[in-house]
Amino acid sequence: PEAGLIAASLIAAALALAPAPAQAIGTTFSFNLGSATATPPT
């Protein structure tokens, strides 16, 4: 049983040190379109 615990400990250590995969992140933007918000306005 002690040997099994050693193996489990080593696996847990490897998982802890493994880098997390990159993920896509984003921000939602809402545009209000019209003469009041346009550049140039006139």
PDB file of all heavy atoms in Angstrom:
ATOM      1  N   PRO A   1       0.822  -1.224   0.000  1.00  0.00           N
ATOM      2  CA  PRO A   1       0.000   0.000   0.000  1.00  0.00           C
ATOM      3  C   PRO A   1       0.849   1.264   0.000  1.00  0.00           C
ATOM      4  O   PRO A   1       0.495   2.271  -0.572  1.00  0.00           O
ATOM      5  CB  PRO A   1      -0.824  -0.126   1.267  1.00  0.00           C
ATOM      6  CG  PRO A   1      -0.880  -1.605   1.532  1.00  0.00           C
ATOM      7  CD  PRO A   1       0.438  -2.145   1.087  1.00  0.00           C
ATOM      8  N   GLU A   2       2.037   1.188   0.704  1.00  0.00           N
ATOM      9  CA  GLU A   2       2.891   2.368   0.751  1.00  0.00           C
ATOM     10  C   GLU A   2       3.406   2.715  -0.642  1.00  0.00           C
ATOM     11  O   GLU A   2       3.502   3.887  -1.016  1.00  0.00           O
ATOM     12  CB  GLU A   2       4.069   2.131   1.708  1.00  0.00           C
ATOM     13  CG  GLU A   2       3.675   2.110   3.179  1.00  0.00           C
ATOM     14  CD  GLU A   2       3.126   0.758   3.609  1.00  0.00           C
ATOM     15  OE1 GLU A   2       2.989  -0.117   2.731  1.00  0.00           O
ATOM     16  OE2 GLU A   2       2.840   0.589   4.800  1.00  0.00           O
ATOM     17  N   ALA A   3       3.752   1.679  -1.420  1.00  0.00           N
ATOM     18  CA  ALA A   3       4.242   1.932  -2.776  1.00  0.00           C
ATOM     19  C   ALA A   3       3.162   2.578  -3.636  1.00  0.00           C
ATOM     20  O   ALA A   3       3.430   3.465  -4.448  1.00  0.00           O
ATOM     21  CB  ALA A   3       4.715   0.629  -3.407  1.00  0.00           C
ATOM     22  N   GLY A   4       1.917   2.125  -3.460  1.00  0.00           N
ATOM     23  CA  GLY A   4       0.818   2.735  -4.205  1.00  0.00           C
ATOM     24  C   GLY A   4       0.629   4.196  -3.839  1.00  0.00           C
ATOM     25  O   GLY A   4       0.336   5.043  -4.689  1.00  0.00           O
ATOM     26  N   LEU A   5       0.803   4.501  -2.551  1.00  0.00           N
ATOM     27  CA  LEU A   5       0.672   5.891  -2.127  1.00  0.00           C
ATOM     28  C   LEU A   5       1.762   6.760  -2.732  1.00  0.00           C
ATOM     29  O   LEU A   5       1.541   7.921  -3.082  1.00  0.00           O
ATOM     30  CB  LEU A   5       0.716   5.970  -0.601  1.00  0.00           C
ATOM     31  CG  LEU A   5      -0.524   5.451   0.126  1.00  0.00           C
ATOM     32  CD1 LEU A   5      -0.282   5.454   1.641  1.00  0.00           C
ATOM     33  CD2 LEU A   5      -1.733   6.292  -0.214  1.00  0.00           C
ATOM     34  N   ILE A   6       2.972   6.214  -2.847  1.00  0.00           N
ATOM     35  CA  ILE A   6       4.067   6.974  -3.464  1.00  0.00           C
ATOM     36  C   ILE A   6       3.734   7.299  -4.909  1.00  0.00           C
ATOM     37  O   ILE A   6       3.912   8.426  -5.385  1.00  0.00           O
ATOM     38  CB  ILE A   6       5.383   6.180  -3.367  1.00  0.00           C
ATOM     39  CG1 ILE A   6       5.818   6.073  -1.901  1.00  0.00           C
ATOM     40  CG2 ILE A   6       6.461   6.852  -4.201  1.00  0.00           C
ATOM     41  CD1 ILE A   6       7.062   5.232  -1.704  1.00  0.00           C
ATOM     42  N   ALA A   7       3.236   6.285  -5.639  1.00  0.00           N
ATOM     43  CA  ALA A   7       2.885   6.514  -7.042  1.00  0.00           C
ATOM     44  C   ALA A   7       1.789   7.563  -7.180  1.00  0.00           C
ATOM     45  O   ALA A   7       1.844   8.446  -8.042  1.00  0.00           O
ATOM     46  CB  ALA A   7       2.432   5.196  -7.678  1.00  0.00           C
ATOM     47  N   ALA A   8       0.790   7.479  -6.313  1.00  0.00           N
ATOM     48  CA  ALA A   8      -0.295   8.459  -6.361  1.00  0.00           C
ATOM     49  C   ALA A   8       0.221   9.858  -6.055  1.00  0.00           C
ATOM     50  O   ALA A   8      -0.222  10.848  -6.649  1.00  0.00           O
ATOM     51  CB  ALA A   8      -1.397   8.070  -5.385  1.00  0.00           C
ATOM     52  N   SER A   9       1.168   9.965  -5.121  1.00  0.00           N
ATOM     53  CA  SER A   9       1.714  11.267  -4.776  1.00  0.00           C
ATOM     54  C   SER A   9       2.456  11.870  -5.947  1.00  0.00           C
ATOM     55  O   SER A   9       2.363  13.067  -6.228  1.00  0.00           O
ATOM     56  CB  SER A   9       2.649  11.145  -3.565  1.00  0.00           C
ATOM     57  OG  SER A   9       1.952  10.646  -2.449  1.00  0.00           O
ATOM     58  N   LEU A  10       3.242  11.031  -6.652  1.00  0.00           N
ATOM     59  CA  LEU A  10       3.993  11.524  -7.811  1.00  0.00           C
ATOM     60  C   LEU A  10       3.059  11.973  -8.941  1.00  0.00           C
ATOM     61  O   LEU A  10       3.314  12.971  -9.614  1.00  0.00           O
ATOM     62  CB  LEU A  10       4.947  10.440  -8.310  1.00  0.00           C
ATOM     63  CG  LEU A  10       6.065  10.063  -7.334  1.00  0.00           C
ATOM     64  CD1 LEU A  10       6.897   8.920  -7.903  1.00  0.00           C
ATOM     65  CD2 LEU A  10       6.946  11.270  -7.041  1.00  0.00           C
ATOM     66  N   ILE A  11       1.983  11.240  -9.150  1.00  0.00           N
ATOM     67  CA  ILE A  11       1.015  11.630 -10.183  1.00  0.00           C
ATOM     68  C   ILE A  11       0.366  12.960  -9.833  1.00  0.00           C
ATOM     69  O   ILE A  11       0.195  13.843 -10.674  1.00  0.00           O
ATOM     70  CB  ILE A  11      -0.049  10.534 -10.365  1.00  0.00           C
ATOM     71  CG1 ILE A  11       0.593   9.270 -10.954  1.00  0.00           C
ATOM     72  CG2 ILE A  11      -1.184  11.022 -11.271  1.00  0.00           C
ATOM     73  CD1 ILE A  11      -0.353   8.091 -11.034  1.00  0.00           C
ATOM     74  N   ALA A  12      -0.013  13.120  -8.554  1.00  0.00           N
ATOM     75  CA  ALA A  12      -0.626  14.373  -8.126  1.00  0.00           C
ATOM     76  C   ALA A  12       0.328  15.544  -8.304  1.00  0.00           C
ATOM     77  O   ALA A  12      -0.068  16.639  -8.701  1.00  0.00           O
ATOM     78  CB  ALA A  12      -1.064  14.267  -6.663  1.00  0.00           C
ATOM     79  N   ALA A  13       1.625  15.297  -8.034  1.00  0.00           N
ATOM     80  CA  ALA A  13       2.609  16.362  -8.206  1.00  0.00           C
ATOM     81  C   ALA A  13       2.735  16.749  -9.670  1.00  0.00           C
ATOM     82  O   ALA A  13       2.838  17.926 -10.016  1.00  0.00           O
ATOM     83  CB  ALA A  13       3.965  15.909  -7.661  1.00  0.00           C
ATOM     84  N   ALA A  14       2.725  15.748 -10.557  1.00  0.00           N
ATOM     85  CA  ALA A  14       2.833  16.036 -11.988  1.00  0.00           C
ATOM     86  C   ALA A  14       1.639  16.842 -12.478  1.00  0.00           C
ATOM     87  O   ALA A  14       1.776  17.772 -13.278  1.00  0.00           O
ATOM     88  CB  ALA A  14       2.954  14.724 -12.766  1.00  0.00           C
ATOM     89  N   LEU A  15       0.450  16.488 -12.005  1.00  0.00           N
ATOM     90  CA  LEU A  15      -0.744  17.235 -12.399  1.00  0.00           C
ATOM     91  C   LEU A  15      -0.707  18.663 -11.879  1.00  0.00           C
ATOM     92  O   LEU A  15      -1.152  19.603 -12.551  1.00  0.00           O
ATOM     93  CB  LEU A  15      -2.001  16.529 -11.900  1.00  0.00           C
ATOM     94  CG  LEU A  15      -2.308  15.174 -12.560  1.00  0.00           C
ATOM     95  CD1 LEU A  15      -3.511  14.533 -11.882  1.00  0.00           C
ATOM     96  CD2 LEU A  15      -2.564  15.349 -14.055  1.00  0.00           C
ATOM     97  N   ALA A  16      -0.191  18.849 -10.698  1.00  0.00           N
ATOM     98  CA  ALA A  16      -0.126  20.184 -10.117  1.00  0.00           C
ATOM     99  C   ALA A  16       0.821  21.085 -10.886  1.00  0.00           C
ATOM    100  O   ALA A  16       0.615  22.286 -11.003  1.00  0.00           O
ATOM    101  CB  ALA A  16       0.303  20.098  -8.649  1.00  0.00           C
ATOM    102  N   LEU A  17       1.913  20.495 -11.430  1.00  0.00           N
ATOM    103  CA  LEU A  17       2.912  21.269 -12.158  1.00  0.00           C
ATOM    104  C   LEU A  17       2.548  21.476 -13.617  1.00  0.00           C
ATOM    105  O   LEU A  17       3.151  22.296 -14.294  1.00  0.00           O
ATOM    106  CB  LEU A  17       4.266  20.569 -12.069  1.00  0.00           C
ATOM    107  CG  LEU A  17       4.901  20.547 -10.671  1.00  0.00           C
ATOM    108  CD1 LEU A  17       6.148  19.676 -10.685  1.00  0.00           C
ATOM    109  CD2 LEU A  17       5.248  21.945 -10.198  1.00  0.00           C
ATOM    110  N   ALA A  18       1.563  20.737 -14.143  1.00  0.00           N
ATOM    111  CA  ALA A  18       1.211  20.851 -15.564  1.00  0.00           C
ATOM    112  C   ALA A  18       0.566  22.198 -15.838  1.00  0.00           C
ATOM    113  O   ALA A  18      -0.311  22.634 -15.101  1.00  0.00           O
ATOM    114  CB  ALA A  18       0.246  19.728 -15.955  1.00  0.00           C
ATOM    115  N   PRO A  19       0.999  22.903 -16.928  1.00  0.00           N
ATOM    116  CA  PRO A  19       0.393  24.214 -17.239  1.00  0.00           C
ATOM    117  C   PRO A  19      -1.023  24.061 -17.751  1.00  0.00           C
ATOM    118  O   PRO A  19      -1.366  23.075 -18.404  1.00  0.00           O
ATOM    119  CB  PRO A  19       1.319  24.769 -18.339  1.00  0.00           C
ATOM    120  CG  PRO A  19       1.923  23.557 -18.970  1.00  0.00           C
ATOM    121  CD  PRO A  19       2.061  22.541 -17.869  1.00  0.00           C
ATOM    122  N   ALA A  20      -1.868  25.036 -17.455  1.00  0.00           N
ATOM    123  CA  ALA A  20      -3.258  25.016 -17.929  1.00  0.00           C
ATOM    124  C   ALA A  20      -3.301  25.421 -19.388  1.00  0.00           C
ATOM    125  O   ALA A  20      -2.529  26.264 -19.842  1.00  0.00           O
ATOM    126  CB  ALA A  20      -4.106  25.984 -17.091  1.00  0.00           C
ATOM    127  N   PRO A  21      -4.187  24.824 -20.207  1.00  0.00           N
ATOM    128  CA  PRO A  21      -4.283  25.182 -21.614  1.00  0.00           C
ATOM    129  C   PRO A  21      -4.802  26.604 -21.802  1.00  0.00           C
ATOM    130  O   PRO A  21      -5.572  27.110 -20.986  1.00  0.00           O
ATOM    131  CB  PRO A  21      -5.291  24.149 -22.170  1.00  0.00           C
ATOM    132  CG  PRO A  21      -6.108  23.753 -20.977  1.00  0.00           C
ATOM    133  CD  PRO A  21      -5.169  23.799 -19.815  1.00  0.00           C
ATOM    134  N   ALA A  22      -4.369  27.243 -22.908  1.00  0.00           N
ATOM    135  CA  ALA A  22      -4.841  28.593 -23.216  1.00  0.00           C
ATOM    136  C   ALA A  22      -6.303  28.559 -23.632  1.00  0.00           C
ATOM    137  O   ALA A  22      -6.762  27.615 -24.257  1.00  0.00           O
ATOM    138  CB  ALA A  22      -3.997  29.192 -24.345  1.00  0.00           C
ATOM    139  N   GLN A  23      -7.041  29.593 -23.249  1.00  0.00           N
ATOM    140  CA  GLN A  23      -8.452  29.688 -23.582  1.00  0.00           C
ATOM    141  C   GLN A  23      -8.738  31.017 -24.267  1.00  0.00           C
ATOM    142  O   GLN A  23      -8.045  32.009 -24.039  1.00  0.00           O
ATOM    143  CB  GLN A  23      -9.312  29.575 -22.318  1.00  0.00           C
ATOM    144  CG  GLN A  23      -9.217  28.219 -21.633  1.00  0.00           C
ATOM    145  CD  GLN A  23     -10.096  28.153 -20.405  1.00  0.00           C
ATOM    146  OE1 GLN A  23     -10.567  29.164 -19.916  1.00  0.00           O
ATOM    147  NE2 GLN A  23     -10.327  26.960 -19.905  1.00  0.00           N
ATOM    148  N   ALA A  24      -9.749  31.031 -25.151  1.00  0.00           N
ATOM    149  CA  ALA A  24     -10.146  32.257 -25.833  1.00  0.00           C
ATOM    150  C   ALA A  24     -11.007  33.108 -24.910  1.00  0.00           C
ATOM    151  O   ALA A  24     -11.890  32.606 -24.234  1.00  0.00           O
ATOM    152  CB  ALA A  24     -10.923  31.926 -27.106  1.00  0.00           C
ATOM    153  N   ILE A  25     -10.693  34.379 -24.847  1.00  0.00           N
ATOM    154  CA  ILE A  25     -11.466  35.299 -24.029  1.00  0.00           C
ATOM    155  C   ILE A  25     -11.958  36.416 -24.924  1.00  0.00           C
ATOM    156  O   ILE A  25     -11.419  36.654 -25.997  1.00  0.00           O
ATOM    157  CB  ILE A  25     -10.627  35.862 -22.867  1.00  0.00           C
ATOM    158  CG1 ILE A  25      -9.376  36.568 -23.416  1.00  0.00           C
ATOM    159  CG2 ILE A  25     -10.245  34.769 -21.893  1.00  0.00           C
ATOM    160  CD1 ILE A  25      -8.539  37.220 -22.353  1.00  0.00           C
ATOM    161  N   GLY A  26     -13.000  37.129 -24.511  1.00  0.00           N
ATOM    162  CA  GLY A  26     -13.523  38.193 -25.348  1.00  0.00           C
ATOM    163  C   GLY A  26     -14.378  39.155 -24.555  1.00  0.00           C
ATOM    164  O   GLY A  26     -14.798  38.871 -23.430  1.00  0.00           O
ATOM    165  N   THR A  27     -14.624  40.319 -25.162  1.00  0.00           N
ATOM    166  CA  THR A  27     -15.449  41.361 -24.571  1.00  0.00           C
ATOM    167  C   THR A  27     -16.549  41.717 -25.555  1.00  0.00           C
ATOM    168  O   THR A  27     -16.300  41.860 -26.758  1.00  0.00           O
ATOM    169  CB  THR A  27     -14.602  42.605 -24.260  1.00  0.00           C
ATOM    170  OG1 THR A  27     -13.538  42.244 -23.373  1.00  0.00           O
ATOM    171  CG2 THR A  27     -15.451  43.690 -23.613  1.00  0.00           C
ATOM    172  N   THR A  28     -17.772  41.856 -25.069  1.00  0.00           N
ATOM    173  CA  THR A  28     -18.909  42.196 -25.922  1.00  0.00           C
ATOM    174  C   THR A  28     -19.070  43.712 -25.988  1.00  0.00           C
ATOM    175  O   THR A  28     -19.073  44.395 -24.965  1.00  0.00           O
ATOM    176  CB  THR A  28     -20.198  41.554 -25.394  1.00  0.00           C
ATOM    177  OG1 THR A  28     -20.039  40.124 -25.380  1.00  0.00           O
ATOM    178  CG2 THR A  28     -21.383  41.905 -26.281  1.00  0.00           C
ATOM    179  N   PHE A  29     -19.209  44.230 -27.211  1.00  0.00           N
ATOM    180  CA  PHE A  29     -19.377  45.662 -27.443  1.00  0.00           C
ATOM    181  C   PHE A  29     -20.696  45.899 -28.167  1.00  0.00           C
ATOM    182  O   PHE A  29     -21.059  45.156 -29.073  1.00  0.00           O
ATOM    183  CB  PHE A  29     -18.235  46.222 -28.297  1.00  0.00           C
ATOM    184  CG  PHE A  29     -16.895  46.243 -27.607  1.00  0.00           C
ATOM    185  CD1 PHE A  29     -16.068  45.134 -27.645  1.00  0.00           C
ATOM    186  CD2 PHE A  29     -16.479  47.370 -26.921  1.00  0.00           C
ATOM    187  CE1 PHE A  29     -14.836  45.150 -27.017  1.00  0.00           C
ATOM    188  CE2 PHE A  29     -15.239  47.403 -26.287  1.00  0.00           C
ATOM    189  CZ  PHE A  29     -14.416  46.290 -26.332  1.00  0.00           C
ATOM    190  N   SER A  30     -21.390  46.963 -27.766  1.00  0.00           N
ATOM    191  CA  SER A  30     -22.651  47.335 -28.388  1.00  0.00           C
ATOM    192  C   SER A  30     -22.515  48.738 -28.992  1.00  0.00           C
ATOM    193  O   SER A  30     -22.244  49.705 -28.263  1.00  0.00           O
ATOM    194  CB  SER A  30     -23.780  47.299 -27.358  1.00  0.00           C
ATOM    195  OG  SER A  30     -25.008  47.659 -27.941  1.00  0.00           O
ATOM    196  N   PHE A  31     -22.703  48.841 -30.313  1.00  0.00           N
ATOM    197  CA  PHE A  31     -22.606  50.114 -31.012  1.00  0.00           C
ATOM    198  C   PHE A  31     -23.994  50.708 -31.221  1.00  0.00           C
ATOM    199  O   PHE A  31     -24.914  50.015 -31.669  1.00  0.00           O
ATOM    200  CB  PHE A  31     -21.944  49.935 -32.380  1.00  0.00           C
ATOM    201  CG  PHE A  31     -20.469  49.662 -32.326  1.00  0.00           C
ATOM    202  CD1 PHE A  31     -19.997  48.359 -32.301  1.00  0.00           C
ATOM    203  CD2 PHE A  31     -19.559  50.709 -32.303  1.00  0.00           C
ATOM    204  CE1 PHE A  31     -18.636  48.099 -32.256  1.00  0.00           C
ATOM    205  CE2 PHE A  31     -18.199  50.461 -32.251  1.00  0.00           C
ATOM    206  CZ  PHE A  31     -17.735  49.153 -32.233  1.00  0.00           C
ATOM    207  N   ASN A  32     -24.135  52.000 -30.898  1.00  0.00           N
ATOM    208  CA  ASN A  32     -25.324  52.762 -31.242  1.00  0.00           C
ATOM    209  C   ASN A  32     -24.983  53.615 -32.462  1.00  0.00           C
ATOM    210  O   ASN A  32     -24.082  54.463 -32.398  1.00  0.00           O
ATOM    211  CB  ASN A  32     -25.761  53.648 -30.069  1.00  0.00           C
ATOM    212  CG  ASN A  32     -26.266  52.840 -28.895  1.00  0.00           C
ATOM    213  OD1 ASN A  32     -27.034  51.888 -29.078  1.00  0.00           O
ATOM    214  ND2 ASN A  32     -25.839  53.184 -27.695  1.00  0.00           N
ATOM    215  N   LEU A  33     -25.670  53.362 -33.567  1.00  0.00           N
ATOM    216  CA  LEU A  33     -25.311  53.976 -34.837  1.00  0.00           C
ATOM    217  C   LEU A  33     -26.314  55.067 -35.196  1.00  0.00           C
ATOM    218  O   LEU A  33     -27.527  54.844 -35.146  1.00  0.00           O
ATOM    219  CB  LEU A  33     -25.273  52.919 -35.942  1.00  0.00           C
ATOM    220  CG  LEU A  33     -24.412  51.682 -35.645  1.00  0.00           C
ATOM    221  CD1 LEU A  33     -24.541  50.665 -36.764  1.00  0.00           C
ATOM    222  CD2 LEU A  33     -22.965  52.077 -35.433  1.00  0.00           C
ATOM    223  N   GLY A  34     -25.815  56.223 -35.574  1.00  0.00           N
ATOM    224  CA  GLY A  34     -26.672  57.338 -35.959  1.00  0.00           C
ATOM    225  C   GLY A  34     -25.869  58.621 -35.991  1.00  0.00           C
ATOM    226  O   GLY A  34     -24.672  58.648 -35.665  1.00  0.00           O
ATOM    227  N   SER A  35     -26.529  59.713 -36.364  1.00  0.00           N
ATOM    228  CA  SER A  35     -25.822  60.986 -36.480  1.00  0.00           C
ATOM    229  C   SER A  35     -25.298  61.480 -35.137  1.00  0.00           C
ATOM    230  O   SER A  35     -24.278  62.169 -35.070  1.00  0.00           O
ATOM    231  CB  SER A  35     -26.752  62.029 -37.101  1.00  0.00           C
ATOM    232  OG  SER A  35     -27.952  62.139 -36.343  1.00  0.00           O
ATOM    233  N   ALA A  36     -25.965  61.121 -34.029  1.00  0.00           N
ATOM    234  CA  ALA A  36     -25.558  61.615 -32.711  1.00  0.00           C
ATOM    235  C   ALA A  36     -24.267  60.972 -32.221  1.00  0.00           C
ATOM    236  O   ALA A  36     -23.536  61.563 -31.420  1.00  0.00           O
ATOM    237  CB  ALA A  36     -26.670  61.386 -31.693  1.00  0.00           C
ATOM    238  N   THR A  37     -23.952  59.767 -32.678  1.00  0.00           N
ATOM    239  CA  THR A  37     -22.766  59.052 -32.192  1.00  0.00           C
ATOM    240  C   THR A  37     -21.680  58.929 -33.250  1.00  0.00           C
ATOM    241  O   THR A  37     -20.646  58.332 -32.995  1.00  0.00           O
ATOM    242  CB  THR A  37     -23.165  57.645 -31.722  1.00  0.00           C
ATOM    243  OG1 THR A  37     -23.829  56.949 -32.794  1.00  0.00           O
ATOM    244  CG2 THR A  37     -24.104  57.713 -30.524  1.00  0.00           C
ATOM    245  N   ALA A  38     -21.912  59.472 -34.438  1.00  0.00           N
ATOM    246  CA  ALA A  38     -20.961  59.338 -35.534  1.00  0.00           C
ATOM    247  C   ALA A  38     -19.863  60.389 -35.452  1.00  0.00           C
ATOM    248  O   ALA A  38     -20.045  61.478 -34.916  1.00  0.00           O
ATOM    249  CB  ALA A  38     -21.676  59.454 -36.873  1.00  0.00           C
ATOM    250  N   THR A  39     -18.707  60.040 -35.984  1.00  0.00           N
ATOM    251  CA  THR A  39     -17.603  60.979 -36.151  1.00  0.00           C
ATOM    252  C   THR A  39     -17.176  60.958 -37.619  1.00  0.00           C
ATOM    253  O   THR A  39     -16.776  59.912 -38.110  1.00  0.00           O
ATOM    254  CB  THR A  39     -16.404  60.606 -35.268  1.00  0.00           C
ATOM    255  OG1 THR A  39     -16.817  60.578 -33.893  1.00  0.00           O
ATOM    256  CG2 THR A  39     -15.278  61.604 -35.426  1.00  0.00           C
ATOM    257  N   PRO A  40     -17.344  62.075 -38.337  1.00  0.00           N
ATOM    258  CA  PRO A  40     -17.865  63.369 -37.870  1.00  0.00           C
ATOM    259  C   PRO A  40     -19.391  63.344 -37.779  1.00  0.00           C
ATOM    260  O   PRO A  40     -20.053  62.658 -38.552  1.00  0.00           O
ATOM    261  CB  PRO A  40     -17.403  64.330 -38.968  1.00  0.00           C
ATOM    262  CG  PRO A  40     -17.351  63.477 -40.200  1.00  0.00           C
ATOM    263  CD  PRO A  40     -16.906  62.123 -39.743  1.00  0.00           C
ATOM    264  N   PRO A  41     -19.970  64.124 -36.854  1.00  0.00           N
ATOM    265  CA  PRO A  41     -21.438  64.154 -36.728  1.00  0.00           C
ATOM    266  C   PRO A  41     -22.112  64.919 -37.863  1.00  0.00           C
ATOM    267  O   PRO A  41     -23.256  64.627 -38.211  1.00  0.00           O
ATOM    268  CB  PRO A  41     -21.658  64.840 -35.381  1.00  0.00           C
ATOM    269  CG  PRO A  41     -20.424  65.669 -35.180  1.00  0.00           C
ATOM    270  CD  PRO A  41     -19.302  64.917 -35.819  1.00  0.00           C
ATOM    271  N   THR A  42     -21.410  65.913 -38.411  1.00  0.00           N
ATOM    272  CA  THR A  42     -21.942  66.685 -39.540  1.00  0.00           C
ATOM    273  C   THR A  42     -20.844  66.824 -40.598  1.00  0.00           C
ATOM    274  O   THR A  42     -19.647  66.835 -40.262  1.00  0.00           O
ATOM    275  CB  THR A  42     -22.383  68.091 -39.077  1.00  0.00           C
ATOM    276  OG1 THR A  42     -21.263  68.764 -38.481  1.00  0.00           O
ATOM    277  CG2 THR A  42     -23.526  67.999 -38.088  1.00  0.00           C
TER     278      THR A  42
END
